[in-house]
Amino acid sequence: MDLMAIAGIIQGNPLGVVEIGTGSGGSALFWRDAGAPIVWTIDVQPPIPSLIGEQGIEFIQGDSLFEAEAFRYAAHRHVILDGDHRKKSVLAELYAYAHLVDIGAYLIVCDTHFNGHPIAPEFGQGPWEAVEAFLAERDDFVQDREVEPLFTFNPGGYLRRVK
């Protein structure tokens, strides 16, 4: 994951962060420490060590697609998709969370480098292909290659909401 690039986005536009795919919880702590006033992080498995009680972090255990509407009243947020990396799952999350992203904020799709972009050609369709399909049908998001670091795990995955 491009921690410093995403931290720069958060510092430049300090909104809350909805993170799909908590993992061990380290990135949720990082987003908070980078300046996100609140981090909501969702995963089917609880993180180790537990984030329960960490100030500025709310862990939600559950399926990201079933939990998307829980954020409809939470204002001002970026969304980071770093859960299941199969195209079908990523595309479903893109549609489920896109309306939660403020104009000028980011919907960041992690690990678009899979399936030969440039690594793991055997992976099959994943985040890259989901981004392509999503952007082909939408005009409210654009790829923002200017915030993307030179070496990135997320090529073309920084989507800025423009309307």
Protein backbone atom coordinates (compact mmCIF):
# COMPACT_ATOMS: atom_id res chain seq x y z
CA MET A 1 0.00 0.00 0.00
CA ASP A 2 1.20 3.50 -0.76
CA LEU A 3 1.11 4.77 2.81
CA MET A 4 2.94 8.05 2.31
CA ALA A 5 1.00 9.02 -0.83
CA ILE A 6 -2.32 8.36 0.87
CA ALA A 7 -1.11 10.16 4.01
CA GLY A 8 -0.34 13.18 1.82
CA ILE A 9 -3.89 13.16 0.49
CA ILE A 10 -5.28 12.95 4.02
CA GLN A 11 -3.02 15.74 5.28
CA GLY A 12 -3.95 17.94 2.31
CA ASN A 13 -7.67 17.25 2.72
CA PRO A 14 -8.21 16.11 6.34
CA LEU A 15 -11.49 14.23 6.12
CA GLY A 16 -12.60 11.06 7.82
CA VAL A 17 -11.50 7.80 6.23
CA VAL A 18 -13.59 4.71 5.54
CA GLU A 19 -11.17 1.81 5.15
CA ILE A 20 -12.30 -1.50 3.69
CA GLY A 21 -9.97 -4.29 4.84
CA THR A 22 -8.61 -3.68 8.33
CA GLY A 23 -6.04 -6.48 8.35
CA SER A 24 -3.96 -6.15 11.51
CA GLY A 25 -5.13 -2.56 12.04
CA GLY A 26 -1.83 -0.82 11.35
CA SER A 27 -3.07 1.25 8.43
CA ALA A 28 -6.09 2.51 10.42
CA LEU A 29 -3.67 3.78 13.07
CA PHE A 30 -1.52 5.31 10.34
CA TRP A 31 -4.48 7.15 8.71
CA ARG A 32 -5.50 8.54 12.09
CA ASP A 33 -1.95 9.65 12.86
CA ALA A 34 -1.68 11.20 9.37
CA GLY A 35 -4.51 13.56 10.28
CA ALA A 36 -7.82 11.82 9.60
CA PRO A 37 -10.16 13.06 12.34
CA ILE A 38 -11.95 9.67 12.36
CA VAL A 39 -11.21 6.32 10.74
CA TRP A 40 -13.96 3.79 10.24
CA THR A 41 -12.42 0.44 9.35
CA ILE A 42 -14.35 -2.65 8.27
CA ASP A 43 -13.30 -6.28 8.07
CA VAL A 44 -14.87 -9.68 8.51
CA GLN A 45 -12.14 -10.57 11.03
CA PRO A 46 -11.19 -8.47 14.06
CA PRO A 47 -7.74 -6.92 13.92
CA ILE A 48 -4.84 -8.11 16.02
CA PRO A 49 -3.98 -6.21 18.12
CA SER A 50 -7.50 -4.99 18.75
CA LEU A 51 -8.38 -1.44 17.77
CA ILE A 52 -11.22 -1.42 20.27
CA GLY A 53 -10.89 1.69 22.39
CA GLU A 54 -8.37 3.46 20.16
CA GLN A 55 -9.29 7.13 20.03
CA GLY A 56 -10.35 8.24 16.56
CA ILE A 57 -10.86 4.70 15.22
CA GLU A 58 -14.11 2.80 14.93
CA PHE A 59 -13.78 -0.87 13.97
CA ILE A 60 -16.81 -2.51 12.41
CA GLN A 61 -16.81 -6.27 12.06
CA GLY A 62 -18.79 -7.35 9.04
CA ASP A 63 -19.04 -7.63 5.28
CA SER A 64 -18.14 -4.35 3.59
CA LEU A 65 -21.06 -4.54 1.17
CA PHE A 66 -23.59 -4.99 3.97
CA GLU A 67 -22.05 -2.18 6.04
CA ALA A 68 -21.83 0.50 3.31
CA GLU A 69 -25.07 2.24 4.26
CA ALA A 70 -23.93 2.57 7.87
CA PHE A 71 -21.85 5.55 6.69
CA ARG A 72 -24.55 7.51 4.86
CA TYR A 73 -24.77 10.03 7.73
CA ALA A 74 -21.04 10.26 8.38
CA ALA A 75 -19.89 13.42 6.66
CA HIS A 76 -16.68 14.28 4.89
CA ARG A 77 -14.71 11.19 4.04
CA HIS A 78 -12.21 9.50 1.77
CA VAL A 79 -12.70 5.79 1.05
CA ILE A 80 -9.87 3.26 0.76
CA LEU A 81 -10.69 -0.14 -0.76
CA ASP A 82 -8.17 -2.75 0.38
CA GLY A 83 -10.27 -5.84 1.05
CA ASP A 84 -11.01 -8.68 -1.36
CA HIS A 85 -9.10 -7.90 -4.56
CA ARG A 86 -11.20 -9.82 -7.09
CA LYS A 87 -12.77 -7.66 -9.81
CA LYS A 88 -16.35 -8.56 -8.88
CA SER A 89 -15.82 -7.62 -5.22
CA VAL A 90 -13.91 -4.41 -5.93
CA LEU A 91 -16.47 -3.26 -8.50
CA ALA A 92 -19.31 -3.92 -6.05
CA GLU A 93 -17.48 -1.89 -3.38
CA LEU A 94 -16.81 0.94 -5.85
CA TYR A 95 -20.53 1.27 -6.50
CA ALA A 96 -21.48 0.79 -2.83
CA TYR A 97 -19.12 3.50 -1.53
CA ALA A 98 -18.80 6.03 -4.37
CA HIS A 99 -21.73 8.15 -3.18
CA LEU A 100 -20.06 8.55 0.22
CA VAL A 101 -17.01 10.34 -1.20
CA ASP A 102 -17.12 14.15 -1.05
CA ILE A 103 -16.38 16.20 -4.15
CA GLY A 104 -12.61 16.73 -4.12
CA ALA A 105 -12.06 13.69 -1.90
CA TYR A 106 -10.64 10.34 -2.97
CA LEU A 107 -11.83 6.81 -3.52
CA ILE A 108 -8.56 4.87 -3.47
CA VAL A 109 -8.44 1.37 -4.93
CA CYS A 110 -5.46 -0.55 -3.59
CA ASP A 111 -3.37 -3.17 -5.36
CA THR A 112 -4.30 -2.32 -8.94
CA HIS A 113 -0.82 -3.64 -9.82
CA PHE A 114 -2.16 -7.25 -9.84
CA ASN A 115 -2.94 -9.20 -13.03
CA GLY A 116 0.13 -8.01 -14.93
CA HIS A 117 -0.12 -4.28 -14.08
CA PRO A 118 2.84 -5.00 -13.70
CA ILE A 119 2.96 -7.99 -11.29
CA ALA A 120 1.13 -11.31 -10.72
CA PRO A 121 -0.21 -11.92 -14.26
CA GLU A 122 -1.73 -15.17 -13.02
CA PHE A 123 -3.96 -13.33 -10.51
CA GLY A 124 -6.86 -12.83 -12.91
CA GLN A 125 -9.09 -9.82 -13.15
CA GLY A 126 -8.87 -7.65 -10.07
CA PRO A 127 -8.74 -4.03 -8.92
CA TRP A 128 -7.33 -2.61 -12.19
CA GLU A 129 -10.14 -4.11 -14.24
CA ALA A 130 -12.73 -3.01 -11.69
CA VAL A 131 -11.48 0.60 -11.92
CA GLU A 132 -11.65 0.45 -15.73
CA ALA A 133 -15.23 -0.85 -15.67
CA PHE A 134 -16.29 1.70 -13.03
CA LEU A 135 -14.81 4.71 -14.83
CA ALA A 136 -16.28 3.59 -18.18
CA GLU A 137 -19.75 4.07 -16.68
CA ARG A 138 -19.20 7.15 -14.50
CA ASP A 139 -18.21 10.76 -15.03
CA ASP A 140 -18.13 11.83 -11.39
CA PHE A 141 -14.67 10.34 -10.72
CA VAL A 142 -11.35 10.76 -12.52
CA GLN A 143 -8.01 9.06 -12.10
CA ASP A 144 -5.63 11.49 -10.43
CA ARG A 145 -2.18 10.38 -11.55
CA GLU A 146 -0.59 13.53 -10.06
CA VAL A 147 -0.98 12.28 -6.48
CA GLU A 148 0.27 8.82 -7.41
CA PRO A 149 3.85 8.11 -6.35
CA LEU A 150 6.45 7.04 -8.92
CA PHE A 151 6.56 3.53 -7.45
CA THR A 152 3.06 2.48 -6.53
CA PHE A 153 1.00 -0.58 -5.66
CA ASN A 154 -2.08 1.34 -6.84
CA PRO A 155 -1.41 2.54 -10.42
CA GLY A 156 -4.50 4.32 -11.68
CA GLY A 157 -6.26 3.61 -8.39
CA TYR A 158 -6.43 7.17 -7.03
CA LEU A 159 -9.92 8.27 -8.02
CA ARG A 160 -10.87 11.85 -7.19
CA ARG A 161 -14.53 12.80 -7.12
CA VAL A 162 -15.12 15.78 -9.40
CA LYS A 163 -18.93 16.08 -9.32
